[in-house]
């Protein structure tokens, strides 16, 4: 998959968080955690599409105490290969158990750090983005140089435009870590 996964860690507590583990059985993630003596505590899902959740089962097996965080809608769709779109990718039968922690918006403490969660519908109605300091993990809400796909089930061009308008000022100058492609700084005319 061409999706991007992120590992965030707290240098003091050695606790770690993975955002959107989109590759099945990706030992690069576990090797990084092992090499850096990190304790995986959370998996944060920006939305339910298979290319963002393929590694959840692998990580849950390897780290039985890990907690998955998502929106309630994402959680409900994880176990359905049609709703997580896996069935449309090589007829894959991807079933992931529901999330452990459900959140729509607000603040959440993970790995002993405080994050802000933003509801960012458009690509899906369940899309969430995660912010800490000047870093914004957008999933498929923001992609540099790419048109955001809003014509998949639960997507909406209208909702996407509303999300952009809602967060445009807050995002100015923020570093965007997208679900696909390169990291970039959000600025005027960059959507």
Protein backbone atom coordinates (compact mmCIF):
# COMPACT_ATOMS: atom_id res chain seq x y z
CA UNK A 1 0.00 0.00 0.00
CA UNK A 2 1.13 3.55 -0.55
CA UNK A 3 -0.34 4.74 2.74
CA UNK A 4 1.88 6.18 5.44
CA UNK A 5 2.02 4.97 9.05
CA UNK A 6 3.48 7.09 11.83
CA UNK A 7 5.06 6.13 15.15
CA UNK A 8 4.98 8.78 17.87
CA UNK A 9 6.77 8.21 21.15
CA UNK A 10 7.30 9.86 24.49
CA UNK A 11 11.05 9.98 25.12
CA UNK A 12 10.61 10.01 28.89
CA UNK A 13 8.11 7.17 29.35
CA UNK A 14 9.17 5.19 26.23
CA UNK A 15 5.46 4.75 25.39
CA UNK A 16 4.48 4.75 21.72
CA UNK A 17 1.49 5.34 19.48
CA UNK A 18 1.05 4.18 15.87
CA UNK A 19 -1.21 6.11 13.51
CA UNK A 20 -2.88 4.17 10.66
CA UNK A 21 -0.90 0.92 10.40
CA UNK A 22 -1.72 0.38 6.73
CA UNK A 23 0.54 -2.52 5.84
CA UNK A 24 -0.25 -6.09 6.82
CA UNK A 25 2.39 -7.84 8.98
CA UNK A 26 4.77 -4.88 8.73
CA UNK A 27 7.82 -5.93 10.71
CA UNK A 28 9.41 -2.53 10.08
CA UNK A 29 7.03 -1.14 12.71
CA UNK A 30 7.79 -3.82 15.29
CA UNK A 31 11.53 -3.67 14.57
CA UNK A 32 11.50 0.10 15.08
CA UNK A 33 9.64 -0.31 18.37
CA UNK A 34 12.04 -3.06 19.51
CA UNK A 35 15.20 -1.25 18.35
CA UNK A 36 14.15 1.89 20.22
CA UNK A 37 12.84 0.02 23.29
CA UNK A 38 9.37 1.52 22.87
CA UNK A 39 6.22 0.19 24.50
CA UNK A 40 3.29 0.34 22.06
CA UNK A 41 0.23 1.53 23.97
CA UNK A 42 -2.14 2.91 21.31
CA UNK A 43 -3.14 2.59 17.66
CA UNK A 44 -4.98 5.65 16.35
CA UNK A 45 -7.13 5.19 13.24
CA UNK A 46 -8.03 8.24 11.16
CA UNK A 47 -10.72 6.26 9.31
CA UNK A 48 -11.76 2.71 8.43
CA UNK A 49 -10.39 2.16 4.92
CA UNK A 50 -8.34 -1.01 4.55
CA UNK A 51 -5.18 0.82 3.51
CA UNK A 52 -5.13 2.46 6.96
CA UNK A 53 -6.04 -0.58 9.08
CA UNK A 54 -4.29 -3.57 7.45
CA UNK A 55 -1.73 -3.83 10.26
CA UNK A 56 -4.11 -3.60 13.23
CA UNK A 57 -4.60 -7.36 13.65
CA UNK A 58 -0.85 -8.00 13.38
CA UNK A 59 -0.07 -5.35 16.02
CA UNK A 60 -2.85 -6.51 18.35
CA UNK A 61 -1.45 -10.04 18.19
CA UNK A 62 2.09 -8.85 18.88
CA UNK A 63 1.02 -6.33 21.57
CA UNK A 64 -2.09 -7.76 23.30
CA UNK A 65 -2.49 -4.76 25.63
CA UNK A 66 -2.53 -2.14 22.85
CA UNK A 67 -5.66 0.04 22.71
CA UNK A 68 -7.21 1.05 19.40
CA UNK A 69 -8.68 4.56 19.23
CA UNK A 70 -11.14 5.65 16.53
CA UNK A 71 -14.43 7.37 15.89
CA UNK A 72 -17.53 5.29 16.70
CA UNK A 73 -18.38 5.07 12.97
CA UNK A 74 -14.91 3.82 12.09
CA UNK A 75 -15.09 1.25 14.87
CA UNK A 76 -18.45 -0.05 13.59
CA UNK A 77 -17.04 -0.52 10.08
CA UNK A 78 -13.77 -2.28 10.96
CA UNK A 79 -15.27 -5.77 10.96
CA UNK A 80 -17.06 -5.40 7.62
CA UNK A 81 -14.87 -5.96 4.52
CA UNK A 82 -17.41 -4.12 2.38
CA UNK A 83 -17.51 -1.08 4.66
CA UNK A 84 -13.72 -0.99 5.17
CA UNK A 85 -13.44 -1.38 1.36
CA UNK A 86 -11.12 -4.41 1.60
CA UNK A 87 -13.53 -6.56 -0.43
CA UNK A 88 -12.96 -4.22 -3.38
CA UNK A 89 -9.19 -4.72 -3.16
CA UNK A 90 -8.42 -8.21 -4.45
CA UNK A 91 -11.56 -9.50 -2.73
CA UNK A 92 -9.70 -9.27 0.58
CA UNK A 93 -11.72 -10.43 3.60
CA UNK A 94 -10.25 -8.05 6.20
CA UNK A 95 -12.00 -8.20 9.56
CA UNK A 96 -10.72 -6.07 12.44
CA UNK A 97 -12.27 -6.05 15.92
CA UNK A 98 -13.91 -2.85 17.10
CA UNK A 99 -11.90 -0.06 18.72
CA UNK A 100 -11.27 0.06 22.45
CA UNK A 101 -11.63 3.83 22.82
CA UNK A 102 -14.21 5.85 20.88
CA UNK A 103 -13.86 9.59 20.34
CA UNK A 104 -15.30 12.16 17.94
CA UNK A 105 -13.53 15.35 18.96
CA UNK A 106 -11.75 16.80 21.93
CA UNK A 107 -8.63 16.21 23.93
CA UNK A 108 -7.19 12.82 24.79
CA UNK A 109 -4.15 11.76 26.77
CA UNK A 110 -2.14 9.02 25.09
CA UNK A 111 1.47 8.02 25.83
CA UNK A 112 1.45 10.62 28.64
CA UNK A 113 0.99 13.43 26.10
CA UNK A 114 -2.08 15.52 25.36
CA UNK A 115 -3.49 15.38 21.82
CA UNK A 116 -6.36 17.20 20.16
CA UNK A 117 -8.78 15.20 18.04
CA UNK A 118 -10.65 16.91 15.21
CA UNK A 119 -13.63 15.56 13.29
CA UNK A 120 -12.67 16.11 9.63
CA UNK A 121 -15.42 14.56 7.46
CA UNK A 122 -15.19 14.59 3.70
CA UNK A 123 -13.14 11.61 2.58
CA UNK A 124 -15.41 9.62 4.91
CA UNK A 125 -18.01 10.79 7.42
CA UNK A 126 -15.93 9.17 10.16
CA UNK A 127 -12.57 10.83 9.47
CA UNK A 128 -10.56 12.11 12.41
CA UNK A 129 -7.32 14.06 12.51
CA UNK A 130 -4.86 14.18 15.40
CA UNK A 131 -2.87 17.26 16.47
CA UNK A 132 -0.01 17.71 18.91
CA UNK A 133 1.81 21.03 19.08
CA UNK A 134 2.39 22.12 15.45
CA UNK A 135 1.99 18.63 13.96
CA UNK A 136 -1.30 17.56 12.36
CA UNK A 137 -1.85 13.91 11.36
CA UNK A 138 -4.58 14.16 8.76
CA UNK A 139 -5.19 10.68 7.36
CA UNK A 140 -6.84 11.31 3.99
CA UNK A 141 -8.32 14.68 4.99
CA UNK A 142 -5.31 16.62 3.66
CA UNK A 143 -2.98 15.41 0.91
CA UNK A 144 -0.50 17.69 -0.80
CA UNK A 145 -0.97 17.98 -4.54
CA UNK A 146 -3.74 15.39 -4.68
CA UNK A 147 -7.46 15.73 -5.06
CA UNK A 148 -9.23 14.37 -2.00
CA UNK A 149 -11.45 11.44 -2.93
CA UNK A 150 -14.96 12.16 -1.67
CA UNK A 151 -16.99 9.84 -3.91
CA UNK A 152 -16.49 6.63 -1.91
CA UNK A 153 -19.21 5.41 0.49
CA UNK A 154 -19.88 7.99 3.25
CA UNK A 155 -17.65 10.57 1.52
CA UNK A 156 -18.96 14.03 0.72
CA UNK A 157 -17.47 16.92 -1.22
CA UNK A 158 -19.75 19.30 0.71
CA UNK A 159 -18.55 17.94 4.07
CA UNK A 160 -14.95 18.15 2.89
CA UNK A 161 -15.35 21.84 1.94
CA UNK A 162 -16.96 22.53 5.32
CA UNK A 163 -14.06 20.81 7.13
CA UNK A 164 -11.50 22.84 5.18
CA UNK A 165 -13.34 26.08 5.94
CA UNK A 166 -13.71 25.16 9.63
CA UNK A 167 -10.00 24.46 10.17
CA UNK A 168 -8.32 26.65 7.54
CA UNK A 169 -7.13 29.37 9.92
CA UNK A 170 -5.97 26.94 12.63
CA UNK A 171 -3.97 24.93 10.06
CA UNK A 172 -1.94 27.84 8.67
CA UNK A 173 1.77 27.12 9.16
CA UNK A 174 1.12 23.70 10.72
CA UNK A 175 3.13 20.67 9.57
CA UNK A 176 0.79 18.17 7.91
CA UNK A 177 1.53 14.46 8.15
CA UNK A 178 -0.84 12.99 5.54
CA UNK A 179 -2.02 9.42 5.09
CA UNK A 180 -0.42 9.36 1.62
CA UNK A 181 2.53 11.31 0.25
CA UNK A 182 5.04 13.65 1.79
CA UNK A 183 4.88 15.84 4.88
CA UNK A 184 4.29 19.52 4.12
CA UNK A 185 3.47 22.86 5.74
CA UNK A 186 -0.12 23.97 5.32
CA UNK A 187 -0.44 27.41 3.80
CA UNK A 188 -2.70 29.56 1.76
CA UNK A 189 -3.71 27.76 -1.47
CA UNK A 190 -2.36 24.38 -0.22
CA UNK A 191 -5.20 21.92 0.22
